[in-house]
């Protein structure tokens, strides 16, 4: 079990608690791993040769719902 690199656990716990739920350390670690994988996918995407990751790329990678 490692310290999250990409998320702020306290903020996420507070948000989840505000919706009447609790969260485990394992959930936060899984969320951190998921975000890292999505970031790697975004970095690997060609995106028209742009070096900047923008909102259109985020919509494509994360889904535009």
PDB file of N, CA and C in Angstrom:
ATOM      1  N   UNK A   1       0.842  -1.172   0.000  1.00  0.00           N
ATOM      2  CA  UNK A   1       0.000   0.000   0.000  1.00  0.00           C
ATOM      3  C   UNK A   1       0.896   1.248   0.000  1.00  0.00           C
ATOM      4  N   UNK A   2       0.675   2.055  -1.008  1.00  0.00           N
ATOM      5  CA  UNK A   2       1.521   3.230  -1.152  1.00  0.00           C
ATOM      6  C   UNK A   2       0.717   4.512  -0.988  1.00  0.00           C
ATOM      7  N   UNK A   3       1.436   5.580  -0.817  1.00  0.00           N
ATOM      8  CA  UNK A   3       0.811   6.897  -0.678  1.00  0.00           C
ATOM      9  C   UNK A   3       0.324   7.368  -2.051  1.00  0.00           C
ATOM     10  N   UNK A   4      -0.894   7.891  -2.132  1.00  0.00           N
ATOM     11  CA  UNK A   4      -1.408   8.373  -3.424  1.00  0.00           C
ATOM     12  C   UNK A   4      -0.534   9.482  -3.993  1.00  0.00           C
ATOM     13  N   UNK A   5      -0.315   9.430  -5.299  1.00  0.00           N
ATOM     14  CA  UNK A   5       0.514  10.424  -5.974  1.00  0.00           C
ATOM     15  C   UNK A   5      -0.293  11.500  -6.675  1.00  0.00           C
ATOM     16  N   UNK A   6      -1.516  11.159  -7.103  1.00  0.00           N
ATOM     17  CA  UNK A   6      -2.252  12.051  -7.985  1.00  0.00           C
ATOM     18  C   UNK A   6      -3.525  12.622  -7.379  1.00  0.00           C
ATOM     19  N   UNK A   7      -3.955  12.102  -6.262  1.00  0.00           N
ATOM     20  CA  UNK A   7      -5.196  12.569  -5.661  1.00  0.00           C
ATOM     21  C   UNK A   7      -4.929  13.125  -4.269  1.00  0.00           C
ATOM     22  N   UNK A   8      -5.888  13.893  -3.778  1.00  0.00           N
ATOM     23  CA  UNK A   8      -5.820  14.425  -2.422  1.00  0.00           C
ATOM     24  C   UNK A   8      -6.867  13.661  -1.598  1.00  0.00           C
ATOM     25  N   UNK A   9      -6.431  12.605  -0.876  1.00  0.00           N
ATOM     26  CA  UNK A   9      -7.378  11.728  -0.179  1.00  0.00           C
ATOM     27  C   UNK A   9      -8.354  12.449   0.749  1.00  0.00           C
ATOM     28  N   UNK A  10      -7.898  13.449   1.470  1.00  0.00           N
ATOM     29  CA  UNK A  10      -8.776  14.143   2.413  1.00  0.00           C
ATOM     30  C   UNK A  10      -9.955  14.798   1.680  1.00  0.00           C
ATOM     31  N   UNK A  11      -9.689  15.405   0.542  1.00  0.00           N
ATOM     32  CA  UNK A  11     -10.759  16.051  -0.228  1.00  0.00           C
ATOM     33  C   UNK A  11     -11.742  15.028  -0.775  1.00  0.00           C
ATOM     34  N   UNK A  12     -11.223  13.913  -1.242  1.00  0.00           N
ATOM     35  CA  UNK A  12     -12.091  12.876  -1.789  1.00  0.00           C
ATOM     36  C   UNK A  12     -12.923  12.243  -0.683  1.00  0.00           C
ATOM     37  N   UNK A  13     -12.298  11.979   0.464  1.00  0.00           N
ATOM     38  CA  UNK A  13     -13.048  11.425   1.606  1.00  0.00           C
ATOM     39  C   UNK A  13     -14.163  12.380   2.036  1.00  0.00           C
ATOM     40  N   UNK A  14     -13.869  13.672   2.084  1.00  0.00           N
ATOM     41  CA  UNK A  14     -14.858  14.671   2.477  1.00  0.00           C
ATOM     42  C   UNK A  14     -16.027  14.681   1.493  1.00  0.00           C
ATOM     43  N   UNK A  15     -15.732  14.631   0.217  1.00  0.00           N
ATOM     44  CA  UNK A  15     -16.770  14.614  -0.806  1.00  0.00           C
ATOM     45  C   UNK A  15     -17.653  13.374  -0.664  1.00  0.00           C
ATOM     46  N   UNK A  16     -17.029  12.219  -0.505  1.00  0.00           N
ATOM     47  CA  UNK A  16     -17.786  10.974  -0.365  1.00  0.00           C
ATOM     48  C   UNK A  16     -18.633  11.006   0.903  1.00  0.00           C
ATOM     49  N   UNK A  17     -18.060  11.514   1.984  1.00  0.00           N
ATOM     50  CA  UNK A  17     -18.795  11.602   3.251  1.00  0.00           C
ATOM     51  C   UNK A  17     -19.997  12.540   3.124  1.00  0.00           C
ATOM     52  N   UNK A  18     -19.861  13.597   2.331  1.00  0.00           N
ATOM     53  CA  UNK A  18     -20.975  14.533   2.142  1.00  0.00           C
ATOM     54  C   UNK A  18     -22.151  13.873   1.419  1.00  0.00           C
ATOM     55  N   UNK A  19     -21.899  12.728   0.806  1.00  0.00           N
ATOM     56  CA  UNK A  19     -22.945  11.972   0.124  1.00  0.00           C
ATOM     57  C   UNK A  19     -23.366  10.740   0.929  1.00  0.00           C
ATOM     58  N   UNK A  20     -22.984  10.721   2.213  1.00  0.00           N
ATOM     59  CA  UNK A  20     -23.448   9.682   3.121  1.00  0.00           C
ATOM     60  C   UNK A  20     -22.725   8.351   3.034  1.00  0.00           C
ATOM     61  N   UNK A  21     -21.542   8.356   2.454  1.00  0.00           N
ATOM     62  CA  UNK A  21     -20.773   7.118   2.321  1.00  0.00           C
ATOM     63  C   UNK A  21     -19.419   7.274   2.989  1.00  0.00           C
ATOM     64  N   UNK A  22     -18.753   6.132   3.153  1.00  0.00           N
ATOM     65  CA  UNK A  22     -17.379   6.121   3.652  1.00  0.00           C
ATOM     66  C   UNK A  22     -16.492   5.520   2.572  1.00  0.00           C
ATOM     67  N   UNK A  23     -15.194   5.709   2.708  1.00  0.00           N
ATOM     68  CA  UNK A  23     -14.266   5.139   1.735  1.00  0.00           C
ATOM     69  C   UNK A  23     -13.101   4.470   2.441  1.00  0.00           C
ATOM     70  N   UNK A  24     -12.543   3.484   1.796  1.00  0.00           N
ATOM     71  CA  UNK A  24     -11.401   2.766   2.368  1.00  0.00           C
ATOM     72  C   UNK A  24     -10.107   3.244   1.722  1.00  0.00           C
ATOM     73  N   UNK A  25      -9.022   2.926   2.367  1.00  0.00           N
ATOM     74  CA  UNK A  25      -7.702   3.241   1.835  1.00  0.00           C
ATOM     75  C   UNK A  25      -7.509   2.533   0.495  1.00  0.00           C
ATOM     76  N   UNK A  26      -8.007   1.311   0.387  1.00  0.00           N
ATOM     77  CA  UNK A  26      -7.866   0.538  -0.853  1.00  0.00           C
ATOM     78  C   UNK A  26      -8.603   1.204  -2.021  1.00  0.00           C
ATOM     79  N   UNK A  27      -9.779   1.777  -1.733  1.00  0.00           N
ATOM     80  CA  UNK A  27     -10.525   2.487  -2.782  1.00  0.00           C
ATOM     81  C   UNK A  27      -9.715   3.676  -3.285  1.00  0.00           C
ATOM     82  N   UNK A  28      -9.154   4.438  -2.364  1.00  0.00           N
ATOM     83  CA  UNK A  28      -8.369   5.612  -2.749  1.00  0.00           C
ATOM     84  C   UNK A  28      -7.137   5.204  -3.546  1.00  0.00           C
ATOM     85  N   UNK A  29      -6.505   4.107  -3.171  1.00  0.00           N
ATOM     86  CA  UNK A  29      -5.341   3.625  -3.917  1.00  0.00           C
ATOM     87  C   UNK A  29      -5.744   3.182  -5.321  1.00  0.00           C
ATOM     88  N   UNK A  30      -6.890   2.507  -5.437  1.00  0.00           N
ATOM     89  CA  UNK A  30      -7.377   2.072  -6.744  1.00  0.00           C
ATOM     90  C   UNK A  30      -7.711   3.281  -7.620  1.00  0.00           C
ATOM     91  N   UNK A  31      -8.309   4.303  -7.027  1.00  0.00           N
ATOM     92  CA  UNK A  31      -8.626   5.530  -7.756  1.00  0.00           C
ATOM     93  C   UNK A  31      -7.347   6.201  -8.260  1.00  0.00           C
ATOM     94  N   UNK A  32      -6.330   6.218  -7.441  1.00  0.00           N
ATOM     95  CA  UNK A  32      -5.049   6.806  -7.812  1.00  0.00           C
ATOM     96  C   UNK A  32      -4.420   6.032  -8.978  1.00  0.00           C
ATOM     97  N   UNK A  33      -4.477   4.697  -8.919  1.00  0.00           N
ATOM     98  CA  UNK A  33      -3.941   3.876 -10.014  1.00  0.00           C
ATOM     99  C   UNK A  33      -4.730   4.102 -11.303  1.00  0.00           C
ATOM    100  N   UNK A  34      -6.055   4.196 -11.187  1.00  0.00           N
ATOM    101  CA  UNK A  34      -6.911   4.442 -12.350  1.00  0.00           C
ATOM    102  C   UNK A  34      -6.535   5.773 -13.006  1.00  0.00           C
ATOM    103  N   UNK A  35      -6.371   6.809 -12.196  1.00  0.00           N
ATOM    104  CA  UNK A  35      -6.018   8.121 -12.726  1.00  0.00           C
ATOM    105  C   UNK A  35      -4.659   8.075 -13.416  1.00  0.00           C
ATOM    106  N   UNK A  36      -3.702   7.377 -12.819  1.00  0.00           N
ATOM    107  CA  UNK A  36      -2.383   7.263 -13.449  1.00  0.00           C
ATOM    108  C   UNK A  36      -2.490   6.597 -14.822  1.00  0.00           C
ATOM    109  N   UNK A  37      -3.279   5.527 -14.929  1.00  0.00           N
ATOM    110  CA  UNK A  37      -3.450   4.840 -16.214  1.00  0.00           C
ATOM    111  C   UNK A  37      -4.101   5.763 -17.243  1.00  0.00           C
ATOM    112  N   UNK A  38      -5.115   6.515 -16.827  1.00  0.00           N
ATOM    113  CA  UNK A  38      -5.780   7.442 -17.742  1.00  0.00           C
ATOM    114  C   UNK A  38      -4.826   8.558 -18.181  1.00  0.00           C
ATOM    115  N   UNK A  39      -3.993   9.038 -17.277  1.00  0.00           N
ATOM    116  CA  UNK A  39      -3.015  10.068 -17.641  1.00  0.00           C
ATOM    117  C   UNK A  39      -2.019   9.528 -18.659  1.00  0.00           C
ATOM    118  N   UNK A  40      -1.583   8.288 -18.482  1.00  0.00           N
ATOM    119  CA  UNK A  40      -0.649   7.687 -19.430  1.00  0.00           C
ATOM    120  C   UNK A  40      -1.291   7.528 -20.809  1.00  0.00           C
ATOM    121  N   UNK A  41      -2.571   7.178 -20.849  1.00  0.00           N
ATOM    122  CA  UNK A  41      -3.296   7.077 -22.123  1.00  0.00           C
ATOM    123  C   UNK A  41      -3.365   8.452 -22.777  1.00  0.00           C
ATOM    124  N   UNK A  42      -3.668   9.471 -22.006  1.00  0.00           N
ATOM    125  CA  UNK A  42      -3.760  10.832 -22.541  1.00  0.00           C
ATOM    126  C   UNK A  42      -2.407  11.298 -23.085  1.00  0.00           C
ATOM    127  N   UNK A  43      -1.343  11.001 -22.375  1.00  0.00           N
ATOM    128  CA  UNK A  43       0.000  11.396 -22.810  1.00  0.00           C
ATOM    129  C   UNK A  43       0.374  10.691 -24.113  1.00  0.00           C
ATOM    130  N   UNK A  44      -0.028   9.431 -24.255  1.00  0.00           N
ATOM    131  CA  UNK A  44       0.320   8.644 -25.440  1.00  0.00           C
ATOM    132  C   UNK A  44      -0.526   9.017 -26.665  1.00  0.00           C
ATOM    133  N   UNK A  45      -1.650   9.682 -26.469  1.00  0.00           N
ATOM    134  CA  UNK A  45      -2.540  10.050 -27.575  1.00  0.00           C
ATOM    135  C   UNK A  45      -1.883  11.108 -28.463  1.00  0.00           C
ATOM    136  N   UNK A  46      -2.008  10.953 -29.770  1.00  0.00           N
ATOM    137  CA  UNK A  46      -1.372  11.879 -30.728  1.00  0.00           C
ATOM    138  C   UNK A  46      -1.957  13.289 -30.629  1.00  0.00           C
ATOM    139  N   UNK A  47      -3.271  13.421 -30.579  1.00  0.00           N
ATOM    140  CA  UNK A  47      -3.961  14.708 -30.391  1.00  0.00           C
ATOM    141  C   UNK A  47      -3.528  15.768 -31.403  1.00  0.00           C
ATOM    142  N   UNK A  48      -3.400  15.373 -32.649  1.00  0.00           N
ATOM    143  CA  UNK A  48      -3.066  16.340 -33.698  1.00  0.00           C
ATOM    144  C   UNK A  48      -1.669  16.912 -33.583  1.00  0.00           C
ATOM    145  N   UNK A  49      -0.796  16.247 -32.880  1.00  0.00           N
ATOM    146  CA  UNK A  49       0.574  16.716 -32.725  1.00  0.00           C
ATOM    147  C   UNK A  49       0.757  17.767 -31.642  1.00  0.00           C
ATOM    148  N   UNK A  50      -0.312  18.118 -30.939  1.00  0.00           N
ATOM    149  CA  UNK A  50      -0.209  19.123 -29.869  1.00  0.00           C
ATOM    150  C   UNK A  50       0.581  18.560 -28.689  1.00  0.00           C
ATOM    151  N   UNK A  51       1.300  19.410 -28.001  1.00  0.00           N
ATOM    152  CA  UNK A  51       1.995  19.010 -26.787  1.00  0.00           C
ATOM    153  C   UNK A  51       1.145  19.256 -25.544  1.00  0.00           C
ATOM    154  N   UNK A  52       0.127  20.092 -25.691  1.00  0.00           N
ATOM    155  CA  UNK A  52      -0.731  20.452 -24.564  1.00  0.00           C
ATOM    156  C   UNK A  52      -1.920  19.508 -24.474  1.00  0.00           C
ATOM    157  N   UNK A  53      -2.144  18.969 -23.285  1.00  0.00           N
ATOM    158  CA  UNK A  53      -3.334  18.162 -23.040  1.00  0.00           C
ATOM    159  C   UNK A  53      -4.470  19.146 -22.763  1.00  0.00           C
ATOM    160  N   UNK A  54      -5.514  19.118 -23.601  1.00  0.00           N
ATOM    161  CA  UNK A  54      -6.580  20.111 -23.485  1.00  0.00           C
ATOM    162  C   UNK A  54      -7.921  19.457 -23.156  1.00  0.00           C
ATOM    163  N   UNK A  55      -8.959  20.293 -23.094  1.00  0.00           N
ATOM    164  CA  UNK A  55     -10.295  19.826 -22.708  1.00  0.00           C
ATOM    165  C   UNK A  55     -10.854  18.815 -23.697  1.00  0.00           C
ATOM    166  N   UNK A  56     -10.575  18.991 -24.985  1.00  0.00           N
ATOM    167  CA  UNK A  56     -11.098  18.043 -25.974  1.00  0.00           C
ATOM    168  C   UNK A  56     -10.461  16.671 -25.793  1.00  0.00           C
ATOM    169  N   UNK A  57      -9.205  16.638 -25.447  1.00  0.00           N
ATOM    170  CA  UNK A  57      -8.543  15.359 -25.181  1.00  0.00           C
ATOM    171  C   UNK A  57      -9.097  14.734 -23.907  1.00  0.00           C
ATOM    172  N   UNK A  58      -9.348  15.543 -22.901  1.00  0.00           N
ATOM    173  CA  UNK A  58      -9.937  15.024 -21.654  1.00  0.00           C
ATOM    174  C   UNK A  58     -11.306  14.421 -21.931  1.00  0.00           C
ATOM    175  N   UNK A  59     -12.105  15.086 -22.759  1.00  0.00           N
ATOM    176  CA  UNK A  59     -13.425  14.564 -23.108  1.00  0.00           C
ATOM    177  C   UNK A  59     -13.299  13.237 -23.829  1.00  0.00           C
ATOM    178  N   UNK A  60     -12.312  13.116 -24.708  1.00  0.00           N
ATOM    179  CA  UNK A  60     -12.100  11.882 -25.447  1.00  0.00           C
ATOM    180  C   UNK A  60     -11.630  10.755 -24.537  1.00  0.00           C
ATOM    181  N   UNK A  61     -10.687  11.030 -23.660  1.00  0.00           N
ATOM    182  CA  UNK A  61     -10.108  10.006 -22.786  1.00  0.00           C
ATOM    183  C   UNK A  61     -11.052   9.629 -21.655  1.00  0.00           C
ATOM    184  N   UNK A  62     -11.661  10.611 -21.013  1.00  0.00           N
ATOM    185  CA  UNK A  62     -12.486  10.358 -19.835  1.00  0.00           C
ATOM    186  C   UNK A  62     -13.958  10.158 -20.166  1.00  0.00           C
ATOM    187  N   UNK A  63     -14.345  10.470 -21.389  1.00  0.00           N
ATOM    188  CA  UNK A  63     -15.746  10.373 -21.766  1.00  0.00           C
ATOM    189  C   UNK A  63     -16.437  11.693 -21.514  1.00  0.00           C
ATOM    190  N   UNK A  64     -17.269  12.094 -22.420  1.00  0.00           N
ATOM    191  CA  UNK A  64     -17.916  13.400 -22.328  1.00  0.00           C
ATOM    192  C   UNK A  64     -19.379  13.209 -21.928  1.00  0.00           C
ATOM    193  N   UNK A  65     -19.604  13.034 -20.638  1.00  0.00           N
ATOM    194  CA  UNK A  65     -20.979  12.819 -20.155  1.00  0.00           C
ATOM    195  C   UNK A  65     -21.457  14.019 -19.393  1.00  0.00           C
TER     196      UNK A  65
END
